[in-house]
PDB file of N, CA and C in Angstrom:
ATOM      1  N   MET A   1     122.203 -72.234   3.592  1.00  0.00           N
ATOM      2  CA  MET A   1     120.975 -71.294   3.565  1.00  0.00           C
ATOM      3  C   MET A   1     121.946 -69.998   3.685  1.00  0.00           C
ATOM      4  N   LEU A   2     121.566 -68.961   2.687  1.00  0.00           N
ATOM      5  CA  LEU A   2     122.028 -67.850   3.177  1.00  0.00           C
ATOM      6  C   LEU A   2     120.934 -66.716   3.611  1.00  0.00           C
ATOM      7  N   ARG A   3     121.566 -65.725   4.280  1.00  0.00           N
ATOM      8  CA  ARG A   3     120.413 -64.974   5.154  1.00  0.00           C
ATOM      9  C   ARG A   3     120.734 -63.589   4.611  1.00  0.00           C
ATOM     10  N   VAL A   4     119.915 -62.334   4.861  1.00  0.00           N
ATOM     11  CA  VAL A   4     120.266 -61.094   4.282  1.00  0.00           C
ATOM     12  C   VAL A   4     119.879 -59.982   5.581  1.00  0.00           C
ATOM     13  N   ARG A   5     120.745 -59.327   5.931  1.00  0.00           N
ATOM     14  CA  ARG A   5     120.334 -58.544   7.277  1.00  0.00           C
ATOM     15  C   ARG A   5     119.391 -57.641   6.520  1.00  0.00           C
ATOM     16  N   LYS A   6     118.131 -57.303   7.328  1.00  0.00           N
ATOM     17  CA  LYS A   6     117.301 -56.312   6.695  1.00  0.00           C
ATOM     18  C   LYS A   6     117.896 -55.325   7.210  1.00  0.00           C
ATOM     19  N   ARG A   7     117.268 -53.623   6.917  1.00  0.00           N
ATOM     20  CA  ARG A   7     117.488 -52.929   7.797  1.00  0.00           C
ATOM     21  C   ARG A   7     117.243 -52.728   9.255  1.00  0.00           C
ATOM     22  N   ASP A   8     115.926 -53.155   9.462  1.00  0.00           N
ATOM     23  CA  ASP A   8     115.700 -53.253  11.132  1.00  0.00           C
ATOM     24  C   ASP A   8     116.728 -54.343  11.676  1.00  0.00           C
ATOM     25  N   GLY A   9     117.466 -54.868  11.152  1.00  0.00           N
ATOM     26  CA  GLY A   9     118.487 -56.001  11.834  1.00  0.00           C
ATOM     27  C   GLY A   9     118.142 -57.342  11.896  1.00  0.00           C
ATOM     28  N   ARG A  10     116.331 -57.673  11.233  1.00  0.00           N
ATOM     29  CA  ARG A  10     116.311 -59.200  11.027  1.00  0.00           C
ATOM     30  C   ARG A  10     116.891 -59.913   9.880  1.00  0.00           C
ATOM     31  N   LEU A  11     117.104 -61.269  10.201  1.00  0.00           N
ATOM     32  CA  LEU A  11     117.562 -62.004   9.091  1.00  0.00           C
ATOM     33  C   LEU A  11     116.733 -62.543   8.291  1.00  0.00           C
ATOM     34  N   GLU A  12     116.798 -62.720   6.988  1.00  0.00           N
ATOM     35  CA  GLU A  12     115.935 -63.046   6.290  1.00  0.00           C
ATOM     36  C   GLU A  12     116.551 -64.113   5.348  1.00  0.00           C
ATOM     37  N   GLU A  13     115.752 -65.127   4.462  1.00  0.00           N
ATOM     38  CA  GLU A  13     116.669 -65.932   3.853  1.00  0.00           C
ATOM     39  C   GLU A  13     116.620 -65.105   2.392  1.00  0.00           C
ATOM     40  N   PHE A  14     118.007 -65.730   1.856  1.00  0.00           N
ATOM     41  CA  PHE A  14     118.094 -64.858   0.501  1.00  0.00           C
ATOM     42  C   PHE A  14     117.109 -64.975  -0.505  1.00  0.00           C
ATOM     43  N   SER A  15     116.627 -64.207  -1.397  1.00  0.00           N
ATOM     44  CA  SER A  15     115.761 -64.796  -2.419  1.00  0.00           C
ATOM     45  C   SER A  15     116.067 -64.254  -3.642  1.00  0.00           C
ATOM     46  N   ARG A  16     116.638 -65.493  -4.854  1.00  0.00           N
ATOM     47  CA  ARG A  16     116.807 -64.554  -5.822  1.00  0.00           C
ATOM     48  C   ARG A  16     115.755 -64.038  -6.875  1.00  0.00           C
ATOM     49  N   ALA A  17     114.326 -64.548  -6.401  1.00  0.00           N
ATOM     50  CA  ALA A  17     113.655 -64.084  -6.913  1.00  0.00           C
ATOM     51  C   ALA A  17     113.322 -62.564  -6.947  1.00  0.00           C
ATOM     52  N   LYS A  18     113.831 -61.769  -5.685  1.00  0.00           N
ATOM     53  CA  LYS A  18     113.658 -60.581  -5.565  1.00  0.00           C
ATOM     54  C   LYS A  18     114.470 -59.450  -6.050  1.00  0.00           C
ATOM     55  N   ILE A  19     115.656 -60.262  -6.182  1.00  0.00           N
ATOM     56  CA  ILE A  19     116.933 -59.685  -7.174  1.00  0.00           C
ATOM     57  C   ILE A  19     116.459 -59.670  -8.636  1.00  0.00           C
ATOM     58  N   VAL A  20     115.775 -60.551  -9.073  1.00  0.00           N
ATOM     59  CA  VAL A  20     115.069 -60.686 -10.638  1.00  0.00           C
ATOM     60  C   VAL A  20     114.134 -59.713 -10.797  1.00  0.00           C
ATOM     61  N   ARG A  21     113.328 -59.668  -9.617  1.00  0.00           N
ATOM     62  CA  ARG A  21     112.406 -58.593  -9.550  1.00  0.00           C
ATOM     63  C   ARG A  21     112.603 -57.573  -9.582  1.00  0.00           C
ATOM     64  N   THR A  22     113.499 -56.650  -8.814  1.00  0.00           N
ATOM     65  CA  THR A  22     113.967 -55.686  -8.486  1.00  0.00           C
ATOM     66  C   THR A  22     114.964 -55.172 -10.027  1.00  0.00           C
ATOM     67  N   CYS A  23     115.501 -56.101 -10.652  1.00  0.00           N
ATOM     68  CA  CYS A  23     115.890 -55.519 -11.793  1.00  0.00           C
ATOM     69  C   CYS A  23     114.987 -55.515 -12.774  1.00  0.00           C
ATOM     70  N   LEU A  24     113.917 -56.284 -13.024  1.00  0.00           N
ATOM     71  CA  LEU A  24     112.908 -55.991 -13.733  1.00  0.00           C
ATOM     72  C   LEU A  24     112.048 -54.687 -13.581  1.00  0.00           C
ATOM     73  N   ARG A  25     112.045 -54.363 -12.109  1.00  0.00           N
ATOM     74  CA  ARG A  25     111.365 -52.895 -12.034  1.00  0.00           C
ATOM     75  C   ARG A  25     112.107 -52.082 -12.639  1.00  0.00           C
ATOM     76  N   ALA A  26     113.487 -52.203 -12.620  1.00  0.00           N
ATOM     77  CA  ALA A  26     114.499 -51.251 -13.022  1.00  0.00           C
ATOM     78  C   ALA A  26     114.311 -51.132 -14.446  1.00  0.00           C
ATOM     79  N   GLY A  27     113.853 -51.995 -15.123  1.00  0.00           N
ATOM     80  CA  GLY A  27     113.669 -51.935 -16.578  1.00  0.00           C
ATOM     81  C   GLY A  27     114.434 -53.177 -17.655  1.00  0.00           C
ATOM     82  N   ALA A  28     115.170 -53.712 -16.699  1.00  0.00           N
ATOM     83  CA  ALA A  28     116.108 -54.634 -17.056  1.00  0.00           C
ATOM     84  C   ALA A  28     115.249 -55.809 -17.975  1.00  0.00           C
ATOM     85  N   SER A  29     115.823 -56.682 -18.930  1.00  0.00           N
ATOM     86  CA  SER A  29     115.191 -57.630 -19.329  1.00  0.00           C
ATOM     87  C   SER A  29     115.463 -58.827 -18.598  1.00  0.00           C
ATOM     88  N   LYS A  30     114.822 -59.564 -18.846  1.00  0.00           N
ATOM     89  CA  LYS A  30     114.722 -60.964 -17.881  1.00  0.00           C
ATOM     90  C   LYS A  30     115.941 -61.958 -18.020  1.00  0.00           C
ATOM     91  N   LYS A  31     116.435 -61.511 -19.349  1.00  0.00           N
ATOM     92  CA  LYS A  31     117.935 -62.027 -19.350  1.00  0.00           C
ATOM     93  C   LYS A  31     118.874 -61.517 -18.480  1.00  0.00           C
ATOM     94  N   ILE A  32     118.615 -60.023 -18.715  1.00  0.00           N
ATOM     95  CA  ILE A  32     119.760 -59.300 -17.711  1.00  0.00           C
ATOM     96  C   ILE A  32     119.265 -59.330 -16.018  1.00  0.00           C
ATOM     97  N   ALA A  33     118.159 -59.814 -15.616  1.00  0.00           N
ATOM     98  CA  ALA A  33     117.695 -59.871 -14.643  1.00  0.00           C
ATOM     99  C   ALA A  33     118.543 -61.042 -13.741  1.00  0.00           C
ATOM    100  N   GLU A  34     117.942 -61.888 -14.627  1.00  0.00           N
ATOM    101  CA  GLU A  34     118.521 -63.359 -14.405  1.00  0.00           C
ATOM    102  C   GLU A  34     120.136 -63.535 -14.505  1.00  0.00           C
ATOM    103  N   LYS A  35     120.720 -63.010 -15.295  1.00  0.00           N
ATOM    104  CA  LYS A  35     122.365 -62.854 -15.286  1.00  0.00           C
ATOM    105  C   LYS A  35     122.939 -62.033 -14.028  1.00  0.00           C
ATOM    106  N   VAL A  36     121.902 -60.944 -13.711  1.00  0.00           N
ATOM    107  CA  VAL A  36     122.797 -60.581 -12.363  1.00  0.00           C
ATOM    108  C   VAL A  36     122.302 -61.463 -11.077  1.00  0.00           C
ATOM    109  N   ALA A  37     120.976 -61.621 -10.946  1.00  0.00           N
ATOM    110  CA  ALA A  37     120.919 -62.846  -9.593  1.00  0.00           C
ATOM    111  C   ALA A  37     121.678 -64.120  -9.665  1.00  0.00           C
ATOM    112  N   GLU A  38     122.077 -64.526 -10.940  1.00  0.00           N
ATOM    113  CA  GLU A  38     123.068 -65.648 -10.735  1.00  0.00           C
ATOM    114  C   GLU A  38     124.499 -64.876 -10.233  1.00  0.00           C
ATOM    115  N   GLU A  39     125.124 -64.091 -10.708  1.00  0.00           N
ATOM    116  CA  GLU A  39     126.101 -63.200 -10.042  1.00  0.00           C
ATOM    117  C   GLU A  39     125.798 -63.303  -8.669  1.00  0.00           C
ATOM    118  N   VAL A  40     124.866 -62.295  -8.391  1.00  0.00           N
ATOM    119  CA  VAL A  40     124.819 -61.999  -6.691  1.00  0.00           C
ATOM    120  C   VAL A  40     125.104 -63.158  -6.178  1.00  0.00           C
ATOM    121  N   GLU A  41     124.495 -64.427  -6.183  1.00  0.00           N
ATOM    122  CA  GLU A  41     124.243 -65.427  -5.672  1.00  0.00           C
ATOM    123  C   GLU A  41     125.687 -65.626  -5.358  1.00  0.00           C
ATOM    124  N   LYS A  42     126.472 -65.694  -6.399  1.00  0.00           N
ATOM    125  CA  LYS A  42     127.837 -65.954  -6.354  1.00  0.00           C
ATOM    126  C   LYS A  42     128.800 -65.141  -5.367  1.00  0.00           C
ATOM    127  N   ARG A  43     128.095 -63.884  -5.348  1.00  0.00           N
ATOM    128  CA  ARG A  43     129.367 -63.013  -4.616  1.00  0.00           C
ATOM    129  C   ARG A  43     128.789 -62.716  -3.132  1.00  0.00           C
ATOM    130  N   ILE A  44     127.389 -63.011  -2.332  1.00  0.00           N
ATOM    131  CA  ILE A  44     127.001 -62.839  -1.353  1.00  0.00           C
ATOM    132  C   ILE A  44     127.769 -63.721  -0.201  1.00  0.00           C
ATOM    133  N   TYR A  45     127.467 -63.288   1.220  1.00  0.00           N
ATOM    134  CA  TYR A  45     127.529 -64.114   1.944  1.00  0.00           C
ATOM    135  C   TYR A  45     126.574 -64.128   3.113  1.00  0.00           C
ATOM    136  N   ASP A  46     126.491 -64.834   3.634  1.00  0.00           N
ATOM    137  CA  ASP A  46     125.504 -64.891   5.228  1.00  0.00           C
ATOM    138  C   ASP A  46     125.662 -63.688   6.062  1.00  0.00           C
ATOM    139  N   GLY A  47     124.370 -63.354   6.091  1.00  0.00           N
ATOM    140  CA  GLY A  47     124.646 -61.703   6.889  1.00  0.00           C
ATOM    141  C   GLY A  47     124.552 -60.361   5.953  1.00  0.00           C
ATOM    142  N   ILE A  48     124.729 -60.912   4.944  1.00  0.00           N
ATOM    143  CA  ILE A  48     124.963 -59.333   3.842  1.00  0.00           C
ATOM    144  C   ILE A  48     123.910 -58.221   3.872  1.00  0.00           C
ATOM    145  N   THR A  49     124.133 -57.523   4.241  1.00  0.00           N
ATOM    146  CA  THR A  49     122.841 -56.297   4.550  1.00  0.00           C
ATOM    147  C   THR A  49     122.382 -55.997   3.204  1.00  0.00           C
ATOM    148  N   THR A  50     120.838 -55.173   3.089  1.00  0.00           N
ATOM    149  CA  THR A  50     120.462 -55.451   1.928  1.00  0.00           C
ATOM    150  C   THR A  50     120.547 -54.084   1.260  1.00  0.00           C
ATOM    151  N   ASP A  51     121.434 -53.113   1.815  1.00  0.00           N
ATOM    152  CA  ASP A  51     122.263 -52.010   1.189  1.00  0.00           C
ATOM    153  C   ASP A  51     123.329 -52.726   0.265  1.00  0.00           C
ATOM    154  N   GLU A  52     124.253 -53.436   0.992  1.00  0.00           N
ATOM    155  CA  GLU A  52     125.381 -54.342   0.334  1.00  0.00           C
ATOM    156  C   GLU A  52     124.533 -54.963  -1.084  1.00  0.00           C
ATOM    157  N   VAL A  53     123.544 -55.705  -0.673  1.00  0.00           N
ATOM    158  CA  VAL A  53     122.907 -56.397  -2.225  1.00  0.00           C
ATOM    159  C   VAL A  53     122.342 -55.290  -3.206  1.00  0.00           C
ATOM    160  N   LEU A  54     121.831 -54.205  -2.750  1.00  0.00           N
ATOM    161  CA  LEU A  54     121.518 -53.485  -3.829  1.00  0.00           C
ATOM    162  C   LEU A  54     122.547 -52.523  -4.222  1.00  0.00           C
ATOM    163  N   GLU A  55     123.524 -52.366  -3.762  1.00  0.00           N
ATOM    164  CA  GLU A  55     124.574 -51.638  -4.445  1.00  0.00           C
ATOM    165  C   GLU A  55     125.653 -52.914  -5.341  1.00  0.00           C
ATOM    166  N   LEU A  56     125.485 -54.410  -5.096  1.00  0.00           N
ATOM    167  CA  LEU A  56     125.916 -55.236  -6.084  1.00  0.00           C
ATOM    168  C   LEU A  56     125.236 -55.092  -7.159  1.00  0.00           C
ATOM    169  N   VAL A  57     123.703 -55.264  -7.076  1.00  0.00           N
ATOM    170  CA  VAL A  57     122.812 -55.260  -8.117  1.00  0.00           C
ATOM    171  C   VAL A  57     123.119 -54.451  -8.830  1.00  0.00           C
ATOM    172  N   ILE A  58     123.504 -52.802  -8.242  1.00  0.00           N
ATOM    173  CA  ILE A  58     123.620 -51.769  -9.356  1.00  0.00           C
ATOM    174  C   ILE A  58     124.534 -51.671  -9.978  1.00  0.00           C
ATOM    175  N   GLU A  59     125.858 -52.280  -9.399  1.00  0.00           N
ATOM    176  CA  GLU A  59     127.214 -52.577 -10.179  1.00  0.00           C
ATOM    177  C   GLU A  59     127.071 -53.131 -11.174  1.00  0.00           C
ATOM    178  N   LEU A  60     126.212 -54.700 -10.988  1.00  0.00           N
ATOM    179  CA  LEU A  60     126.608 -55.299 -11.752  1.00  0.00           C
ATOM    180  C   LEU A  60     125.490 -54.984 -13.139  1.00  0.00           C
ATOM    181  N   LEU A  61     124.275 -54.110 -12.891  1.00  0.00           N
ATOM    182  CA  LEU A  61     123.965 -53.686 -14.013  1.00  0.00           C
ATOM    183  C   LEU A  61     124.417 -52.628 -14.578  1.00  0.00           C
ATOM    184  N   PHE A  62     125.247 -51.794 -14.177  1.00  0.00           N
ATOM    185  CA  PHE A  62     126.184 -50.866 -14.795  1.00  0.00           C
ATOM    186  C   PHE A  62     127.441 -51.850 -15.600  1.00  0.00           C
ATOM    187  N   GLU A  63     127.883 -53.009 -15.095  1.00  0.00           N
ATOM    188  CA  GLU A  63     128.919 -53.859 -15.658  1.00  0.00           C
ATOM    189  C   GLU A  63     128.378 -54.327 -16.929  1.00  0.00           C
ATOM    190  N   LEU A  64     127.046 -54.641 -17.001  1.00  0.00           N
ATOM    191  CA  LEU A  64     126.367 -54.967 -18.053  1.00  0.00           C
ATOM    192  C   LEU A  64     126.048 -54.104 -19.231  1.00  0.00           C
ATOM    193  N   LYS A  65     126.320 -52.827 -18.866  1.00  0.00           N
ATOM    194  CA  LYS A  65     125.776 -51.759 -19.590  1.00  0.00           C
ATOM    195  C   LYS A  65     124.641 -51.396 -19.658  1.00  0.00           C
ATOM    196  N   TYR A  66     123.860 -51.730 -19.017  1.00  0.00           N
ATOM    197  CA  TYR A  66     122.329 -51.446 -18.419  1.00  0.00           C
ATOM    198  C   TYR A  66     122.381 -50.069 -18.329  1.00  0.00           C
ATOM    199  N   GLU A  67     121.744 -48.966 -19.293  1.00  0.00           N
ATOM    200  CA  GLU A  67     121.921 -47.616 -19.343  1.00  0.00           C
ATOM    201  C   GLU A  67     120.718 -47.209 -18.065  1.00  0.00           C
ATOM    202  N   LYS A  68     119.854 -47.774 -17.574  1.00  0.00           N
ATOM    203  CA  LYS A  68     118.774 -47.514 -16.724  1.00  0.00           C
ATOM    204  C   LYS A  68     119.061 -47.907 -15.092  1.00  0.00           C
ATOM    205  N   ALA A  69     120.539 -48.276 -15.006  1.00  0.00           N
ATOM    206  CA  ALA A  69     120.701 -48.488 -13.432  1.00  0.00           C
ATOM    207  C   ALA A  69     121.033 -47.265 -12.642  1.00  0.00           C
ATOM    208  N   GLU A  70     121.151 -46.182 -13.493  1.00  0.00           N
ATOM    209  CA  GLU A  70     121.163 -44.993 -13.046  1.00  0.00           C
ATOM    210  C   GLU A  70     120.057 -44.434 -12.168  1.00  0.00           C
ATOM    211  N   ARG A  71     118.728 -45.192 -12.658  1.00  0.00           N
ATOM    212  CA  ARG A  71     117.491 -45.115 -11.558  1.00  0.00           C
ATOM    213  C   ARG A  71     117.796 -45.755 -10.300  1.00  0.00           C
ATOM    214  N   TYR A  72     118.351 -46.769 -10.119  1.00  0.00           N
ATOM    215  CA  TYR A  72     118.629 -47.330  -9.021  1.00  0.00           C
ATOM    216  C   TYR A  72     119.787 -46.947  -8.201  1.00  0.00           C
ATOM    217  N   ASP A  73     120.739 -46.127  -8.933  1.00  0.00           N
ATOM    218  CA  ASP A  73     121.781 -45.551  -8.050  1.00  0.00           C
ATOM    219  C   ASP A  73     120.987 -44.386  -7.773  1.00  0.00           C
ATOM    220  N   LEU A  74     120.213 -43.525  -8.098  1.00  0.00           N
ATOM    221  CA  LEU A  74     119.463 -42.721  -7.439  1.00  0.00           C
ATOM    222  C   LEU A  74     118.943 -42.853  -6.164  1.00  0.00           C
ATOM    223  N   LYS A  75     118.328 -44.022  -6.190  1.00  0.00           N
ATOM    224  CA  LYS A  75     117.689 -44.411  -5.356  1.00  0.00           C
ATOM    225  C   LYS A  75     118.394 -45.139  -4.058  1.00  0.00           C
ATOM    226  N   ARG A  76     119.879 -45.364  -4.301  1.00  0.00           N
ATOM    227  CA  ARG A  76     120.651 -45.866  -3.318  1.00  0.00           C
ATOM    228  C   ARG A  76     120.943 -44.234  -2.735  1.00  0.00           C
ATOM    229  N   SER A  77     121.396 -43.588  -3.587  1.00  0.00           N
ATOM    230  CA  SER A  77     121.538 -41.984  -2.933  1.00  0.00           C
ATOM    231  C   SER A  77     120.699 -41.474  -2.077  1.00  0.00           C
ATOM    232  N   LEU A  78     119.347 -41.905  -2.279  1.00  0.00           N
ATOM    233  CA  LEU A  78     118.060 -40.981  -1.463  1.00  0.00           C
ATOM    234  C   LEU A  78     118.498 -42.117  -0.309  1.00  0.00           C
ATOM    235  N   ILE A  79     118.268 -43.098  -0.278  1.00  0.00           N
ATOM    236  CA  ILE A  79     118.286 -43.860   0.813  1.00  0.00           C
ATOM    237  C   ILE A  79     119.261 -43.467   1.886  1.00  0.00           C
ATOM    238  N   ARG A  80     120.779 -42.975   1.535  1.00  0.00           N
ATOM    239  CA  ARG A  80     121.708 -42.694   2.415  1.00  0.00           C
ATOM    240  C   ARG A  80     121.351 -41.414   3.037  1.00  0.00           C
ATOM    241  N   LEU A  81     120.851 -40.422   2.121  1.00  0.00           N
ATOM    242  CA  LEU A  81     120.211 -39.192   3.050  1.00  0.00           C
ATOM    243  C   LEU A  81     119.233 -39.445   3.931  1.00  0.00           C
ATOM    244  N   GLY A  82     118.505 -40.586   3.809  1.00  0.00           N
ATOM    245  CA  GLY A  82     117.881 -40.357   4.934  1.00  0.00           C
ATOM    246  C   GLY A  82     116.269 -40.351   4.773  1.00  0.00           C
TER     247      GLY A  82
END
């Protein structure tokens, strides 16, 4: 079982459904969302942070030439500002 480290330090079981949901909220199709989730599952490791997961999702959306990925890249930038 892979776990993701939340911002508050808690560990939570990795949820593929959350990756799909994030992609869908960004406007990706179900097909793209599933493809991203599949690739994220291959690349993550136990204890990865939610920020690292989000960064990976954005990177994969860009790789798939998904134009709306900029929307979540902006979210990542705003998170870094605090």
